[in-house]
Amino acid sequence: MQLTRPWLNQYPAGVPAEIEIGDLASLSDVLAASCRRFASLPAFKSMGSVLTFAQLDRASCAFAAWLQKVAGLRRGDRVALMMPNLLQYPVAMFGALRAGLVVVNVNPLYTPRELEHQLNDSGAVAIVVLENFAHTLAQVVASTPVRVVVTTQVGDLLPPLKRLLTNVVVKYVKKMVPRWQLAGAVGFGEALAAGRLQSLDEVTLARDDLAFLQYTGGTTGVAKGAMLSHGNMVANVLQVAAWMSPGMNDGAETVVIPLPLYHVFALTGALSFFCKGAQIVLIANPRDLPAFLKTLRQTRFSAIIGVNTLFRALLDAPGSAEVDWRGLKLAVAGGMAVQQVVAHRWKQMTGVPLVEGYGLTESAPVAIANPVTIDEWSGQIGVPLPSTDAAILNDDGRPVALGEVGEICLRGPQVMKGYWNRPDETDQVITADGWLRTGDMGVMDGRGNIRLTDRKKDMIVVSGFKVFPNEIEDVLATHPGVAEAAAIGVPDARSGEAVKVVVLRKDPALTEAEVLAHCKQHLTGYKVPRIVEFRTEPLPKSNIGKILRRELRDSGAASSRAEA
């Protein structure tokens, strides 16, 4: 397939067409280089406490030595991390990678069934878990390969007095399982102390070595482990770092990360800022908006990473106008489509546009993004990053004409090696010539700009006309009485499928007639919903806040049929 790469003309000055990995063969190399260069600077901040690059280097070395010499783990063993955004996360992650192990990120809110599946599927032999969530592990650990359990408390890496107070405060959490109720479990602090008495056997890692088994969100079925190599991760970290370099100065930025690091979008974003010497402010619980806003008010920050639902929550939260936004230079949105009303309100409040990007777990994840130099949100997902190709293909794998809808396909050094122990499913998404079929539908214009239309599997076909749920949801988001909304297809005897919307009210008095009238004002006839269902609870979401349309369909929301 011949590519002309028209998108290169959209690159800001200073952003290269190709990234150079150079001597950085692994994330361990990224850690070493960053810690040498920025040793005295703050690397991570959590709950008011800071871990410098030098301190992170020493702590991760101690944990790596403990994993090798005390826990007895061997190169290639899988280690699960099950915790929110705490200082312990980067220490445990870099420690595991330095020991030559593979990190398996786990959502702390998993049910026992979900956790058991991921531990068994990955073959994880060790886990680091926050005590607040250890009750889930306790229910399934005996039926998994896990033989090493490290438990941590929220305040473990905070200064002594703050650690004591923090750990006492969180003890009220129901179902908390202390480590002595998990046979043989070791405390995180104990592991670090014991590791400091050991010497680390340095492991030479190659680009093809596995770094992460990063499990997909399961929105299209059983969660699968995407095999992300050190080469995949280093490439994407350098791609993103190069992309955001205009206006972002090495060793001088502070970025707020409210999305969980166990999600690859936040992880790669954080690592990209990390390699530029930025201070990364971790938000452990962004759903606690008063505490989140308090941190924002106390922090002079220059960048923030989030998803549409998080930005909207900040916009709606009392006190958001009291945040000093004057230092903000970059706000990056990904993980789900940005709604126009959210983008406009964000620019009005902060003076900075939302820079929307696109990717997926299988591409480590960032592949396409708007230039960070834009003045306004564009409604497009942008252009391919350096060293990345994109093409819009039909079902036969052939390019469609410019302006026509097709499947977005990607090729680049950040594309995964495949799915863990699932070669057949790997063959379904990665073609023989290396194209990753994303399952997302989009359009490319003559300048290489790509607009996302929707997930291929979520597309609704009404009397032969394609309806994209994102468009309907974007319209509903502009209604002042709507808090959340999702559009799904339901069977219809007359049109094959009809549009159904599931709505969480912001205004309790909102009626079905008002919803339909609003849609009729902004949508052509076949796109207007035939069914409106109101919910009293928030709509189901993934761990980063993306509304799960599949769950709405599977839970029976789609079982009703439109009237003939």
Protein backbone atom coordinates (compact mmCIF):
# COMPACT_ATOMS: atom_id res chain seq x y z
CA MET A 1 0.00 0.00 0.00
CA GLN A 2 1.50 3.33 -1.08
CA LEU A 3 1.24 6.13 1.47
CA THR A 4 1.83 9.80 0.69
CA ARG A 5 1.71 10.92 4.36
CA PRO A 6 0.03 14.30 3.77
CA TRP A 7 -0.23 14.69 7.55
CA LEU A 8 3.47 15.58 7.81
CA ASN A 9 2.57 19.09 6.66
CA GLN A 10 0.46 19.48 9.82
CA TYR A 11 3.41 18.90 12.16
CA PRO A 12 4.42 21.91 14.28
CA ALA A 13 7.97 23.20 13.98
CA GLY A 14 10.38 21.03 15.93
CA VAL A 15 8.31 17.84 15.79
CA PRO A 16 10.21 15.22 13.75
CA ALA A 17 8.64 12.94 11.15
CA GLU A 18 10.44 9.98 12.71
CA ILE A 19 11.46 9.32 16.30
CA GLU A 20 14.92 8.07 17.17
CA ILE A 21 15.01 5.51 19.99
CA GLY A 22 18.80 5.55 20.07
CA ASP A 23 20.29 3.73 23.06
CA LEU A 24 16.96 3.47 24.92
CA ALA A 25 16.20 -0.22 24.48
CA SER A 26 13.86 -0.49 27.49
CA LEU A 27 11.87 1.44 30.06
CA SER A 28 14.68 0.65 32.49
CA ASP A 29 16.93 2.69 30.22
CA VAL A 30 14.36 5.51 30.24
CA LEU A 31 14.37 5.40 34.05
CA ALA A 32 18.16 5.44 34.27
CA ALA A 33 18.55 8.30 31.78
CA SER A 34 15.85 10.43 33.42
CA CYS A 35 17.13 9.84 36.95
CA ARG A 36 20.67 10.82 35.93
CA ARG A 37 19.50 13.96 34.18
CA PHE A 38 16.90 15.16 36.68
CA ALA A 39 18.13 13.54 39.92
CA SER A 40 17.26 16.35 42.34
CA LEU A 41 13.93 17.31 40.75
CA PRO A 42 10.54 16.04 41.96
CA ALA A 43 9.34 13.11 39.86
CA PHE A 44 6.04 12.16 41.50
CA LYS A 45 3.84 13.92 44.04
CA SER A 46 0.95 12.37 45.94
CA MET A 47 -1.05 13.70 48.89
CA GLY A 48 1.38 16.57 49.27
CA SER A 49 4.49 14.37 49.44
CA VAL A 50 7.20 14.24 46.78
CA LEU A 51 9.44 11.50 45.44
CA THR A 52 12.46 12.88 43.58
CA PHE A 53 13.99 11.16 40.59
CA ALA A 54 16.94 10.07 42.75
CA GLN A 55 14.65 8.71 45.47
CA LEU A 56 12.61 6.83 42.87
CA ASP A 57 15.82 5.33 41.49
CA ARG A 58 16.88 4.05 44.92
CA ALA A 59 13.44 2.80 45.96
CA SER A 60 12.78 0.96 42.68
CA CYS A 61 16.26 -0.60 42.90
CA ALA A 62 15.49 -1.87 46.41
CA PHE A 63 12.15 -3.32 45.32
CA ALA A 64 13.73 -4.94 42.27
CA ALA A 65 16.41 -6.53 44.48
CA TRP A 66 13.74 -7.83 46.85
CA LEU A 67 11.80 -9.37 43.96
CA GLN A 68 14.94 -11.11 42.73
CA LYS A 69 16.75 -12.15 45.89
CA VAL A 70 14.01 -12.55 48.50
CA ALA A 71 10.83 -13.34 46.56
CA GLY A 72 12.81 -15.49 44.12
CA LEU A 73 11.18 -14.22 40.94
CA ARG A 74 12.87 -14.90 37.62
CA ARG A 75 13.14 -12.95 34.40
CA GLY A 76 9.86 -13.03 32.49
CA ASP A 77 7.67 -13.77 35.53
CA ARG A 78 4.49 -11.70 35.65
CA VAL A 79 3.79 -9.31 38.53
CA ALA A 80 0.32 -7.80 38.98
CA LEU A 81 -0.10 -4.28 40.34
CA MET A 82 -3.49 -3.59 41.92
CA MET A 83 -3.57 -0.07 43.34
CA PRO A 84 -4.70 3.46 42.52
CA ASN A 85 -2.42 6.43 41.84
CA LEU A 86 -0.06 6.33 44.82
CA LEU A 87 3.70 6.81 45.06
CA GLN A 88 3.97 3.05 45.47
CA TYR A 89 2.87 2.52 41.88
CA PRO A 90 5.93 3.95 40.06
CA VAL A 91 8.26 2.34 42.62
CA ALA A 92 6.68 -1.10 42.14
CA MET A 93 6.37 -0.73 38.36
CA PHE A 94 9.96 0.37 37.76
CA GLY A 95 11.19 -2.16 40.32
CA ALA A 96 9.47 -5.01 38.51
CA LEU A 97 10.77 -3.85 35.12
CA ARG A 98 14.32 -3.47 36.42
CA ALA A 99 14.19 -7.04 37.70
CA GLY A 100 13.30 -8.22 34.19
CA LEU A 101 9.68 -8.97 35.08
CA VAL A 102 6.46 -8.28 33.17
CA VAL A 103 3.93 -5.91 34.74
CA VAL A 104 0.24 -6.83 34.68
CA ASN A 105 -1.87 -3.80 35.51
CA VAL A 106 -5.05 -4.61 37.43
CA ASN A 107 -8.06 -2.40 38.09
CA PRO A 108 -8.45 -2.27 41.91
CA LEU A 109 -12.24 -2.21 41.50
CA TYR A 110 -12.37 -5.56 39.73
CA THR A 111 -14.84 -8.13 40.98
CA PRO A 112 -13.45 -11.45 42.20
CA ARG A 113 -14.42 -13.05 38.88
CA GLU A 114 -12.60 -10.42 36.83
CA LEU A 115 -9.51 -10.55 39.04
CA GLU A 116 -9.35 -14.34 38.96
CA HIS A 117 -9.58 -14.33 35.16
CA GLN A 118 -6.78 -11.80 34.74
CA LEU A 119 -4.43 -13.47 37.23
CA ASN A 120 -4.97 -16.88 35.68
CA ASP A 121 -4.86 -15.68 32.09
CA SER A 122 -1.61 -13.76 32.66
CA GLY A 123 -0.07 -16.44 34.85
CA ALA A 124 0.93 -13.79 37.41
CA VAL A 125 3.00 -15.28 40.23
CA ALA A 126 3.14 -12.13 42.35
CA ILE A 127 0.89 -9.19 43.15
CA VAL A 128 1.22 -5.82 44.87
CA VAL A 129 -2.19 -4.82 46.23
CA LEU A 130 -3.54 -1.94 48.29
CA GLU A 131 -5.03 -3.31 51.51
CA ASN A 132 -8.30 -1.51 50.77
CA PHE A 133 -8.86 -3.96 47.90
CA ALA A 134 -7.19 -7.06 49.32
CA HIS A 135 -10.57 -8.55 50.26
CA THR A 136 -11.14 -9.24 46.55
CA LEU A 137 -7.78 -10.96 46.24
CA ALA A 138 -8.43 -13.02 49.37
CA GLN A 139 -11.47 -14.59 47.72
CA VAL A 140 -9.60 -15.92 44.67
CA VAL A 141 -5.86 -16.06 45.37
CA ALA A 142 -5.92 -19.78 46.19
CA SER A 143 -7.22 -20.57 42.71
CA THR A 144 -4.54 -18.54 40.89
CA PRO A 145 -0.79 -18.99 40.27
CA VAL A 146 0.00 -16.14 42.69
CA ARG A 147 2.52 -17.21 45.34
CA VAL A 148 3.96 -13.81 46.38
CA VAL A 149 1.65 -11.18 47.85
CA VAL A 150 2.83 -7.68 48.79
CA THR A 151 0.27 -5.46 50.51
CA THR A 152 0.54 -1.73 50.87
CA GLN A 153 -1.33 0.96 52.75
CA VAL A 154 -2.23 4.36 51.34
CA GLY A 155 0.39 6.24 53.36
CA ASP A 156 3.30 3.80 53.06
CA LEU A 157 5.63 6.20 51.22
CA LEU A 158 4.55 9.36 53.00
CA PRO A 159 6.61 10.99 55.80
CA PRO A 160 6.27 9.13 59.15
CA LEU A 161 3.64 11.31 60.84
CA LYS A 162 1.56 11.77 57.70
CA ARG A 163 1.88 8.03 57.01
CA LEU A 164 0.56 7.18 60.47
CA LEU A 165 -2.36 9.59 60.26
CA THR A 166 -3.27 8.58 56.70
CA ASN A 167 -3.20 4.86 57.42
CA VAL A 168 -5.31 5.32 60.55
CA VAL A 169 -7.89 7.38 58.65
CA VAL A 170 -8.38 4.78 55.92
CA LYS A 171 -8.75 1.90 58.36
CA TYR A 172 -12.49 2.57 58.51
CA VAL A 173 -12.88 1.21 54.98
CA LYS A 174 -15.24 -1.75 55.05
CA LYS A 175 -13.94 -5.20 54.09
CA MET A 176 -10.30 -4.12 54.40
CA VAL A 177 -8.13 -7.20 54.68
CA PRO A 178 -4.78 -6.63 56.44
CA ARG A 179 -1.84 -8.63 55.21
CA TRP A 180 -1.88 -11.06 58.14
CA GLN A 181 -5.15 -12.42 56.76
CA LEU A 182 -3.38 -13.29 53.50
CA ALA A 183 -1.05 -16.19 54.20
CA GLY A 184 2.58 -15.22 53.71
CA ALA A 185 1.86 -11.64 52.60
CA VAL A 186 4.63 -9.07 53.05
CA GLY A 187 4.21 -5.35 53.68
CA PHE A 188 5.51 -2.96 51.03
CA GLY A 189 7.72 -1.16 53.54
CA GLU A 190 9.17 -4.46 54.73
CA ALA A 191 9.98 -5.46 51.15
CA LEU A 192 11.80 -2.17 50.54
CA ALA A 193 13.76 -2.48 53.77
CA ALA A 194 14.80 -6.04 52.98
CA GLY A 195 15.63 -5.11 49.39
CA ARG A 196 18.02 -2.39 50.51
CA LEU A 197 20.14 -5.11 52.10
CA GLN A 198 20.42 -6.95 48.78
CA SER A 199 22.30 -6.16 45.59
CA LEU A 200 20.38 -5.96 42.34
CA ASP A 201 21.49 -8.19 39.49
CA GLU A 202 21.16 -5.81 36.58
CA VAL A 203 19.09 -7.25 33.73
CA THR A 204 19.86 -6.33 30.14
CA LEU A 205 16.57 -5.89 28.34
CA ALA A 206 16.01 -5.78 24.58
CA ARG A 207 13.28 -3.96 22.72
CA ASP A 208 11.48 -7.22 21.99
CA ASP A 209 11.23 -8.20 25.66
CA LEU A 210 7.78 -7.92 27.20
CA ALA A 211 7.18 -4.97 29.52
CA PHE A 212 3.40 -5.14 30.10
CA LEU A 213 0.48 -7.45 29.68
CA GLN A 214 -2.07 -4.67 29.36
CA TYR A 215 -5.59 -6.01 29.44
CA THR A 216 -8.24 -4.50 27.23
CA GLY A 217 -11.28 -3.05 28.93
CA GLY A 218 -13.41 -5.96 27.82
CA THR A 219 -15.91 -3.73 25.97
CA THR A 220 -16.02 -6.22 23.09
CA GLY A 221 -15.88 -9.46 25.07
CA VAL A 222 -13.51 -11.24 27.45
CA ALA A 223 -10.55 -9.08 28.45
CA LYS A 224 -7.40 -9.97 26.51
CA GLY A 225 -3.79 -9.21 27.41
CA ALA A 226 -2.09 -7.00 24.85
CA MET A 227 1.62 -7.85 24.78
CA LEU A 228 3.40 -4.51 24.93
CA SER A 229 7.15 -4.85 24.59
CA HIS A 230 9.78 -2.48 25.95
CA GLY A 231 10.27 -1.36 22.36
CA ASN A 232 6.56 -0.61 21.97
CA MET A 233 6.48 1.42 25.17
CA VAL A 234 9.74 3.31 24.61
CA ALA A 235 8.65 4.19 21.07
CA ASN A 236 5.30 5.56 22.21
CA VAL A 237 6.81 7.44 25.14
CA LEU A 238 9.25 9.16 22.78
CA GLN A 239 6.55 9.75 20.16
CA VAL A 240 4.28 11.46 22.69
CA ALA A 241 7.18 13.38 24.24
CA ALA A 242 8.20 14.69 20.81
CA TRP A 243 4.60 15.54 19.93
CA MET A 244 4.04 17.65 23.04
CA SER A 245 7.50 19.27 22.98
CA PRO A 246 6.29 22.64 21.56
CA GLY A 247 5.79 24.75 24.68
CA MET A 248 6.75 21.97 27.12
CA ASN A 249 10.19 22.57 28.59
CA ASP A 250 12.39 19.83 30.02
CA GLY A 251 12.64 19.86 33.80
CA ALA A 252 10.21 22.75 34.19
CA GLU A 253 6.65 21.36 33.93
CA THR A 254 4.06 20.01 36.36
CA VAL A 255 1.39 17.66 35.01
CA VAL A 256 -1.73 16.48 36.82
CA ILE A 257 -2.63 12.81 36.24
CA PRO A 258 -6.13 12.07 37.55
CA LEU A 259 -6.61 8.99 35.37
CA PRO A 260 -5.39 5.72 36.89
CA LEU A 261 -1.87 4.64 35.95
CA TYR A 262 -3.09 1.09 35.52
CA HIS A 263 -4.77 2.39 32.34
CA VAL A 264 -2.33 2.63 29.44
CA PHE A 265 -3.42 6.14 28.40
CA ALA A 266 -2.45 7.61 31.76
CA LEU A 267 0.59 5.34 32.01
CA THR A 268 2.14 6.37 28.70
CA GLY A 269 1.21 10.00 29.28
CA ALA A 270 2.93 9.98 32.65
CA LEU A 271 6.02 8.22 31.28
CA SER A 272 6.25 10.75 28.44
CA PHE A 273 6.29 13.65 30.89
CA PHE A 274 8.63 11.66 33.14
CA CYS A 275 11.29 11.41 30.44
CA LYS A 276 11.11 15.20 30.08
CA GLY A 277 11.76 15.72 33.80
CA ALA A 278 8.26 16.92 34.70
CA GLN A 279 6.74 16.67 38.15
CA ILE A 280 3.78 14.28 37.98
CA VAL A 281 0.98 14.99 40.44
CA LEU A 282 -0.97 11.78 41.06
CA ILE A 283 -4.66 11.96 41.94
CA ALA A 284 -5.65 8.80 43.82
CA ASN A 285 -9.42 9.33 43.63
CA PRO A 286 -10.63 11.85 41.02
CA ARG A 287 -14.24 11.00 41.87
CA ASP A 288 -13.71 12.86 45.13
CA LEU A 289 -14.14 16.19 43.37
CA PRO A 290 -13.76 18.42 46.46
CA ALA A 291 -10.38 16.81 47.26
CA PHE A 292 -9.37 16.87 43.58
CA LEU A 293 -10.20 20.56 43.28
CA LYS A 294 -8.33 21.27 46.51
CA THR A 295 -5.21 19.73 44.97
CA LEU A 296 -5.68 21.79 41.81
CA ARG A 297 -6.05 24.98 43.85
CA GLN A 298 -2.82 24.20 45.73
CA THR A 299 -0.82 23.31 42.61
CA ARG A 300 0.70 25.50 39.94
CA PHE A 301 0.38 23.06 37.02
CA SER A 302 1.06 23.40 33.32
CA ALA A 303 -0.59 20.26 31.91
CA ILE A 304 -3.44 17.87 32.67
CA ILE A 305 -4.55 14.58 31.13
CA GLY A 306 -8.18 13.42 31.19
CA VAL A 307 -11.22 12.05 29.42
CA ASN A 308 -14.43 13.81 28.38
CA THR A 309 -16.38 12.68 31.45
CA LEU A 310 -13.67 13.93 33.81
CA PHE A 311 -13.41 17.33 32.12
CA ARG A 312 -17.18 17.67 32.23
CA ALA A 313 -17.22 16.75 35.93
CA LEU A 314 -14.63 19.46 36.61
CA LEU A 315 -16.67 21.99 34.65
CA ASP A 316 -19.82 21.17 36.62
CA ALA A 317 -18.12 21.00 40.02
CA PRO A 318 -18.62 23.88 42.46
CA GLY A 319 -15.30 25.61 43.02
CA SER A 320 -13.75 24.93 39.61
CA ALA A 321 -13.72 28.64 38.85
CA GLU A 322 -11.53 29.16 41.93
CA VAL A 323 -8.69 27.12 40.41
CA ASP A 324 -5.83 29.22 39.05
CA TRP A 325 -5.74 28.09 35.43
CA ARG A 326 -3.23 30.74 34.34
CA GLY A 327 -0.28 28.34 34.36
CA LEU A 328 -2.05 25.75 32.21
CA LYS A 329 -0.47 25.26 28.79
CA LEU A 330 -1.72 21.84 27.70
CA ALA A 331 -4.89 19.84 28.34
CA VAL A 332 -4.91 16.42 26.65
CA ALA A 333 -8.12 14.46 26.13
CA GLY A 334 -8.31 10.82 25.04
CA GLY A 335 -9.90 7.49 25.81
CA MET A 336 -13.29 8.51 24.40
CA ALA A 337 -14.76 11.12 22.07
CA VAL A 338 -14.75 14.70 23.33
CA GLN A 339 -18.15 16.35 23.19
CA GLN A 340 -18.35 19.76 21.57
CA VAL A 341 -20.13 21.38 24.49
CA VAL A 342 -17.42 20.16 26.88
CA ALA A 343 -14.63 21.42 24.62
CA HIS A 344 -16.20 24.87 24.32
CA ARG A 345 -16.90 25.20 28.03
CA TRP A 346 -13.36 24.05 28.89
CA LYS A 347 -11.81 26.69 26.61
CA GLN A 348 -14.06 29.36 28.13
CA MET A 349 -13.08 28.42 31.69
CA THR A 350 -9.35 27.81 31.26
CA GLY A 351 -8.40 29.68 28.10
CA VAL A 352 -6.73 26.50 26.80
CA PRO A 353 -8.23 24.16 24.17
CA LEU A 354 -8.67 20.45 24.71
CA VAL A 355 -6.12 18.64 22.53
CA GLU A 356 -7.83 15.42 21.52
CA GLY A 357 -5.87 12.31 20.67
CA TYR A 358 -6.64 8.75 19.76
CA GLY A 359 -5.26 5.33 20.41
CA LEU A 360 -6.05 1.98 21.92
CA THR A 361 -4.45 -0.51 24.26
CA GLU A 362 -3.05 -2.41 21.30
CA SER A 363 -1.04 0.66 20.19
CA ALA A 364 0.51 1.43 23.58
CA PRO A 365 -1.80 3.53 23.19
CA VAL A 366 -1.30 6.85 21.35
CA ALA A 367 -1.27 6.78 17.56
CA ILE A 368 -3.10 9.90 16.37
CA ALA A 369 -3.39 13.35 17.92
CA ASN A 370 -4.09 16.98 17.21
CA PRO A 371 -1.04 19.25 17.29
CA VAL A 372 -0.59 20.77 20.74
CA THR A 373 -0.34 24.19 19.07
CA ILE A 374 -4.04 24.33 18.08
CA ASP A 375 -6.08 27.31 19.24
CA GLU A 376 -9.45 25.58 19.26
CA TRP A 377 -10.78 22.05 19.64
CA SER A 378 -11.22 20.74 16.12
CA GLY A 379 -13.68 17.87 16.47
CA GLN A 380 -11.06 15.68 14.79
CA ILE A 381 -8.73 13.18 16.44
CA GLY A 382 -5.80 14.67 14.51
CA VAL A 383 -2.99 13.18 12.45
CA PRO A 384 -0.64 10.20 12.93
CA LEU A 385 2.26 10.69 15.35
CA PRO A 386 5.91 10.50 14.21
CA SER A 387 6.88 7.07 12.83
CA THR A 388 3.18 6.16 12.58
CA ASP A 389 1.12 5.40 9.49
CA ALA A 390 -2.67 5.45 9.32
CA ALA A 391 -5.03 4.33 6.60
CA ILE A 392 -8.82 4.18 6.20
CA LEU A 393 -9.68 0.73 4.82
CA ASN A 394 -12.83 -1.09 3.76
CA ASP A 395 -13.81 -4.60 4.87
CA ASP A 396 -11.59 -6.07 2.13
CA GLY A 397 -8.53 -4.22 3.43
CA ARG A 398 -8.45 -1.72 0.58
CA PRO A 399 -8.19 2.06 1.01
CA VAL A 400 -11.42 4.02 0.66
CA ALA A 401 -11.60 7.36 -1.13
CA LEU A 402 -10.77 10.50 0.84
CA GLY A 403 -13.82 11.66 2.74
CA GLU A 404 -15.40 8.20 2.87
CA VAL A 405 -15.97 6.24 6.07
CA GLY A 406 -13.83 3.16 6.67
CA GLU A 407 -11.97 1.36 9.41
CA ILE A 408 -8.99 3.19 10.90
CA CYS A 409 -5.87 1.03 10.60
CA LEU A 410 -2.49 1.77 12.15
CA ARG A 411 1.11 0.76 11.67
CA GLY A 412 4.11 1.80 13.72
CA PRO A 413 6.67 0.77 16.35
CA GLN A 414 4.12 1.16 19.14
CA VAL A 415 1.78 -1.56 17.81
CA MET A 416 1.64 -4.56 20.18
CA LYS A 417 3.29 -7.91 19.56
CA GLY A 418 -0.15 -9.55 19.79
CA TYR A 419 -2.59 -10.92 22.35
CA TRP A 420 -1.20 -13.10 25.12
CA ASN A 421 -1.82 -16.77 24.30
CA ARG A 422 -4.39 -15.83 21.63
CA PRO A 423 -2.70 -16.16 18.22
CA ASP A 424 -6.02 -16.61 16.41
CA GLU A 425 -7.37 -13.32 17.78
CA THR A 426 -4.06 -11.63 17.04
CA ASP A 427 -4.37 -12.69 13.39
CA GLN A 428 -7.84 -11.09 13.27
CA VAL A 429 -6.54 -7.63 14.19
CA ILE A 430 -2.97 -7.53 12.83
CA THR A 431 -2.60 -8.10 9.11
CA ALA A 432 0.28 -9.92 7.45
CA ASP A 433 1.89 -6.58 6.52
CA GLY A 434 1.64 -5.19 10.06
CA TRP A 435 -1.55 -3.11 9.99
CA LEU A 436 -3.55 -3.00 13.21
CA ARG A 437 -7.29 -3.06 12.51
CA THR A 438 -8.72 -0.85 15.26
CA GLY A 439 -12.42 -1.61 14.88
CA ASP A 440 -13.03 2.16 14.87
CA MET A 441 -14.59 3.96 11.93
CA GLY A 442 -13.23 7.23 10.62
CA VAL A 443 -12.71 9.62 7.71
CA MET A 444 -9.44 11.15 6.47
CA ASP A 445 -9.29 14.40 4.54
CA GLY A 446 -6.71 15.47 1.96
CA ARG A 447 -4.42 16.95 4.62
CA GLY A 448 -4.30 13.74 6.62
CA ASN A 449 -6.64 14.89 9.37
CA ILE A 450 -8.79 12.07 10.72
CA ARG A 451 -12.27 12.35 12.16
CA LEU A 452 -13.57 9.50 14.28
CA THR A 453 -17.14 8.50 13.51
CA ASP A 454 -17.63 5.59 15.91
CA ARG A 455 -16.83 2.08 16.99
CA LYS A 456 -17.60 -0.31 14.16
CA LYS A 457 -19.45 -2.61 16.54
CA ASP A 458 -21.55 0.27 17.97
CA MET A 459 -22.78 1.53 14.63
CA ILE A 460 -26.58 1.60 14.27
CA VAL A 461 -28.11 0.92 10.86
CA VAL A 462 -31.58 2.43 10.41
CA SER A 463 -33.25 1.49 7.12
CA GLY A 464 -29.82 1.16 5.53
CA PHE A 465 -28.59 4.51 6.87
CA LYS A 466 -25.60 4.44 9.22
CA VAL A 467 -26.11 6.20 12.54
CA PHE A 468 -23.14 6.94 14.77
CA PRO A 469 -23.93 6.98 18.52
CA ASN A 470 -21.29 9.64 19.23
CA GLU A 471 -23.23 12.18 17.18
CA ILE A 472 -26.45 11.57 19.08
CA GLU A 473 -24.68 11.63 22.44
CA ASP A 474 -22.97 14.88 21.49
CA VAL A 475 -26.35 16.46 20.78
CA LEU A 476 -27.84 15.20 24.04
CA ALA A 477 -24.85 16.58 25.95
CA THR A 478 -25.87 20.10 24.91
CA HIS A 479 -29.23 19.80 26.69
CA PRO A 480 -28.97 21.43 30.13
CA GLY A 481 -31.21 18.79 31.67
CA VAL A 482 -29.01 15.83 30.66
CA ALA A 483 -26.18 14.62 32.92
CA GLU A 484 -25.18 11.52 30.93
CA ALA A 485 -26.48 9.80 27.83
CA ALA A 486 -25.70 6.82 25.64
CA ALA A 487 -27.16 5.79 22.29
CA ILE A 488 -27.56 2.15 21.29
CA GLY A 489 -29.36 0.20 18.58
CA VAL A 490 -32.44 -1.93 19.28
CA PRO A 491 -34.25 -4.34 16.94
CA ASP A 492 -37.06 -2.80 14.92
CA ALA A 493 -39.38 -4.70 12.60
CA ARG A 494 -39.76 -1.77 10.25
CA SER A 495 -36.27 -0.34 9.96
CA GLY A 496 -34.06 -3.23 11.09
CA GLU A 497 -32.72 -1.15 13.95
CA ALA A 498 -33.91 1.94 15.77
CA VAL A 499 -32.08 4.35 18.01
CA LYS A 500 -32.56 4.11 21.75
CA VAL A 501 -31.04 6.57 24.22
CA VAL A 502 -30.43 5.89 27.88
CA VAL A 503 -30.37 9.12 29.89
CA LEU A 504 -29.35 10.14 33.39
CA ARG A 505 -31.15 13.38 34.21
CA LYS A 506 -29.46 16.47 35.59
CA ASP A 507 -32.91 18.10 35.80
CA PRO A 508 -35.36 15.70 37.52
CA ALA A 509 -38.23 17.33 35.60
CA LEU A 510 -36.80 16.45 32.18
CA THR A 511 -39.34 14.55 30.07
CA GLU A 512 -39.15 12.18 27.13
CA ALA A 513 -40.93 14.73 24.96
CA GLU A 514 -38.29 17.35 25.73
CA VAL A 515 -35.47 14.94 24.89
CA LEU A 516 -37.07 14.03 21.56
CA ALA A 517 -37.82 17.65 20.69
CA HIS A 518 -34.19 18.55 21.33
CA CYS A 519 -32.98 15.70 19.13
CA LYS A 520 -35.40 16.60 16.34
CA GLN A 521 -34.04 20.12 16.40
CA HIS A 522 -30.46 18.95 15.81
CA LEU A 523 -30.69 15.58 14.03
CA THR A 524 -32.11 14.36 10.76
CA GLY A 525 -35.18 12.16 11.02
CA TYR A 526 -33.61 8.68 10.93
CA LYS A 527 -31.14 9.64 13.66
CA VAL A 528 -33.80 10.77 16.13
CA PRO A 529 -34.29 8.23 18.95
CA ARG A 530 -37.39 6.08 18.89
CA ILE A 531 -37.02 5.12 22.55
CA VAL A 532 -35.93 7.14 25.59
CA GLU A 533 -35.10 5.36 28.83
CA PHE A 534 -34.31 7.32 31.98
CA ARG A 535 -31.92 5.92 34.58
CA THR A 536 -31.61 7.01 38.19
CA GLU A 537 -28.04 5.73 38.60
CA PRO A 538 -24.91 6.74 36.64
CA LEU A 539 -24.44 4.81 33.40
CA PRO A 540 -21.93 1.94 33.47
CA LYS A 541 -18.39 3.06 32.68
CA SER A 542 -14.94 1.62 32.14
CA ASN A 543 -12.14 2.36 34.60
CA ILE A 544 -11.34 5.63 32.79
CA GLY A 545 -14.94 6.84 32.52
CA LYS A 546 -15.97 5.64 29.05
CA ILE A 547 -19.67 4.73 28.95
CA LEU A 548 -20.01 1.02 28.21
CA ARG A 549 -22.67 0.73 25.54
CA ARG A 550 -22.27 -3.04 25.43
CA GLU A 551 -23.31 -3.32 29.08
CA LEU A 552 -26.39 -1.24 28.37
CA ARG A 553 -27.30 -3.61 25.56
CA ASP A 554 -26.48 -6.79 27.49
CA SER A 555 -28.24 -5.70 30.69
CA GLY A 556 -31.56 -5.66 28.91
CA ALA A 557 -31.64 -2.00 27.99
CA ALA A 558 -31.65 -3.06 24.35
CA SER A 559 -34.08 -5.92 24.72
CA SER A 560 -37.11 -3.67 24.17
CA ARG A 561 -38.19 -3.21 20.60
CA ALA A 562 -39.29 -0.03 18.92
CA GLU A 563 -42.97 0.05 18.14
CA ALA A 564 -43.79 -0.86 14.56
